[in-house]
N, C-alpha and C. Protein backbone atom coordinates (compact mmCIF):
# COMPACT_ATOMS: atom_id res chain seq x y z
N UNK A 1 102.14 92.03 109.30
CA UNK A 1 101.31 93.13 108.79
C UNK A 1 100.50 92.71 107.51
N UNK A 2 100.37 91.46 107.28
CA UNK A 2 99.70 90.97 106.09
C UNK A 2 98.25 91.38 106.03
N UNK A 3 97.58 91.54 107.19
CA UNK A 3 96.17 91.85 107.19
C UNK A 3 95.89 93.37 107.19
N UNK A 4 96.91 94.17 107.16
CA UNK A 4 96.71 95.64 107.17
C UNK A 4 96.52 96.18 105.80
N UNK A 5 95.71 97.25 105.73
CA UNK A 5 95.57 97.96 104.46
C UNK A 5 96.86 98.67 104.14
N UNK A 6 97.06 99.03 102.90
CA UNK A 6 98.24 99.75 102.50
C UNK A 6 98.37 101.07 103.30
N UNK A 7 97.28 101.78 103.43
CA UNK A 7 97.36 103.07 104.14
C UNK A 7 97.74 102.83 105.64
N UNK A 8 97.09 101.87 106.24
CA UNK A 8 97.40 101.57 107.65
C UNK A 8 98.88 101.23 107.80
N UNK A 9 99.40 100.42 106.92
CA UNK A 9 100.81 100.07 106.94
C UNK A 9 101.68 101.26 106.77
N UNK A 10 101.35 102.16 105.86
CA UNK A 10 102.10 103.38 105.60
C UNK A 10 102.14 104.25 106.86
N UNK A 11 101.01 104.42 107.51
CA UNK A 11 100.92 105.20 108.74
C UNK A 11 101.83 104.60 109.84
N UNK A 12 101.71 103.29 110.07
CA UNK A 12 102.52 102.63 111.07
C UNK A 12 103.98 102.77 110.78
N UNK A 13 104.40 102.52 109.55
CA UNK A 13 105.82 102.66 109.19
C UNK A 13 106.29 104.08 109.38
N UNK A 14 105.45 105.06 108.99
CA UNK A 14 105.83 106.45 109.17
C UNK A 14 106.01 106.82 110.65
N UNK A 15 105.10 106.39 111.49
CA UNK A 15 105.16 106.62 112.92
C UNK A 15 106.47 106.00 113.49
N UNK A 16 106.83 104.85 113.08
CA UNK A 16 108.07 104.24 113.58
C UNK A 16 109.28 105.04 113.14
N UNK A 17 109.36 105.40 111.85
CA UNK A 17 110.49 106.14 111.32
C UNK A 17 110.63 107.49 111.93
N UNK A 18 109.53 108.20 112.17
CA UNK A 18 109.56 109.56 112.69
C UNK A 18 109.35 109.67 114.19
N UNK A 19 109.18 108.52 114.84
CA UNK A 19 108.95 108.46 116.27
C UNK A 19 107.76 109.35 116.67
N UNK A 20 106.65 109.15 115.97
CA UNK A 20 105.45 109.94 116.19
C UNK A 20 104.33 108.96 116.70
N UNK A 21 103.38 109.61 117.35
CA UNK A 21 102.22 108.87 117.83
C UNK A 21 100.98 109.28 117.02
N UNK A 22 99.89 108.61 117.25
CA UNK A 22 98.67 108.90 116.50
C UNK A 22 98.25 110.33 116.65
N UNK A 23 98.46 110.90 117.88
CA UNK A 23 98.02 112.31 118.12
C UNK A 23 98.86 113.25 117.24
N UNK A 24 100.13 112.92 116.98
CA UNK A 24 100.94 113.75 116.09
C UNK A 24 100.40 113.70 114.67
N UNK A 25 100.04 112.50 114.23
CA UNK A 25 99.53 112.27 112.87
C UNK A 25 98.21 113.06 112.75
N UNK A 26 97.39 112.90 113.78
CA UNK A 26 96.06 113.56 113.73
C UNK A 26 96.23 115.08 113.66
N UNK A 27 97.10 115.63 114.47
CA UNK A 27 97.31 117.07 114.48
C UNK A 27 97.83 117.53 113.13
N UNK A 28 98.81 116.85 112.58
CA UNK A 28 99.40 117.28 111.35
C UNK A 28 98.50 117.13 110.11
N UNK A 29 97.61 116.13 110.18
CA UNK A 29 96.70 115.91 109.06
C UNK A 29 95.34 116.55 109.26
N UNK A 30 95.13 117.07 110.45
CA UNK A 30 93.86 117.73 110.80
C UNK A 30 92.69 116.75 110.83
N UNK A 31 92.99 115.50 111.15
CA UNK A 31 91.94 114.49 111.38
C UNK A 31 91.87 114.27 112.88
N UNK A 32 90.82 113.66 113.34
CA UNK A 32 90.72 113.33 114.77
C UNK A 32 91.62 112.14 115.08
N UNK A 33 92.05 112.06 116.33
CA UNK A 33 92.85 110.96 116.77
C UNK A 33 92.03 109.63 116.63
N UNK A 34 90.77 109.73 116.90
CA UNK A 34 89.91 108.56 116.75
C UNK A 34 89.83 108.08 115.33
N UNK A 35 89.80 109.00 114.37
CA UNK A 35 89.75 108.59 112.96
C UNK A 35 91.09 107.96 112.57
N UNK A 36 92.20 108.47 113.03
CA UNK A 36 93.48 107.89 112.74
C UNK A 36 93.52 106.45 113.34
N UNK A 37 93.09 106.27 114.56
CA UNK A 37 93.03 104.93 115.18
C UNK A 37 92.16 104.01 114.31
N UNK A 38 91.02 104.50 113.90
CA UNK A 38 90.09 103.67 113.12
C UNK A 38 90.65 103.28 111.79
N UNK A 39 91.34 104.20 111.12
CA UNK A 39 92.00 103.89 109.87
C UNK A 39 93.09 102.81 110.04
N UNK A 40 93.88 103.00 111.10
CA UNK A 40 94.95 101.99 111.35
C UNK A 40 94.38 100.63 111.74
N UNK A 41 93.28 100.58 112.44
CA UNK A 41 92.70 99.29 112.86
C UNK A 41 91.73 98.77 111.80
N UNK A 42 91.54 99.57 110.77
CA UNK A 42 90.66 99.18 109.62
C UNK A 42 89.24 98.96 110.02
N UNK A 43 88.77 99.74 111.04
CA UNK A 43 87.36 99.65 111.45
C UNK A 43 86.53 100.66 110.64
N UNK A 44 87.20 101.50 109.88
CA UNK A 44 86.53 102.46 109.02
C UNK A 44 87.26 102.57 107.72
N UNK A 45 86.61 102.96 106.68
CA UNK A 45 87.23 103.22 105.40
C UNK A 45 87.43 104.72 105.26
N UNK A 46 88.64 105.21 105.10
CA UNK A 46 88.81 106.65 104.99
C UNK A 46 88.30 107.19 103.68
N UNK A 47 87.83 108.43 103.75
CA UNK A 47 87.39 109.08 102.50
C UNK A 47 88.62 109.44 101.68
N UNK A 48 88.39 109.76 100.42
CA UNK A 48 89.51 110.22 99.56
C UNK A 48 90.21 111.44 100.16
N UNK A 49 89.42 112.34 100.69
CA UNK A 49 89.95 113.53 101.33
C UNK A 49 90.86 113.22 102.52
N UNK A 50 90.45 112.23 103.33
CA UNK A 50 91.24 111.85 104.49
C UNK A 50 92.55 111.20 104.05
N UNK A 51 92.44 110.34 103.02
CA UNK A 51 93.68 109.72 102.49
C UNK A 51 94.63 110.77 101.97
N UNK A 52 94.12 111.76 101.26
CA UNK A 52 94.95 112.82 100.70
C UNK A 52 95.62 113.61 101.87
N UNK A 53 94.83 113.92 102.94
CA UNK A 53 95.39 114.70 104.06
C UNK A 53 96.49 113.89 104.76
N UNK A 54 96.27 112.65 104.97
CA UNK A 54 97.32 111.81 105.62
C UNK A 54 98.54 111.70 104.77
N UNK A 55 98.41 111.43 103.51
CA UNK A 55 99.57 111.26 102.62
C UNK A 55 100.30 112.61 102.47
N UNK A 56 99.58 113.70 102.38
CA UNK A 56 100.20 114.99 102.24
C UNK A 56 101.00 115.33 103.49
N UNK A 57 100.46 115.02 104.66
CA UNK A 57 101.21 115.24 105.91
C UNK A 57 102.47 114.38 105.96
N UNK A 58 102.31 113.09 105.65
CA UNK A 58 103.48 112.18 105.72
C UNK A 58 104.55 112.54 104.72
N UNK A 59 104.16 113.10 103.58
CA UNK A 59 105.12 113.49 102.59
C UNK A 59 105.91 114.75 103.01
N UNK A 60 105.24 115.63 103.70
CA UNK A 60 105.84 116.91 104.07
C UNK A 60 106.41 116.99 105.46
N UNK A 61 106.21 115.95 106.27
CA UNK A 61 106.68 115.95 107.66
C UNK A 61 108.14 115.65 107.74
């Protein structure tokens, strides 16, 4: 996971621990599944608002 961003790594670790898929993360954070995929694959840079939404969901899930 050396080439992953910190947020991408956090999402992947969270999904493993909670046995969740990208669609669960998307639903909980109110982002699109495509955006979650893009953030994890680092093909897009998330906005501050998207980062906050993802971290808030992972903290409270």
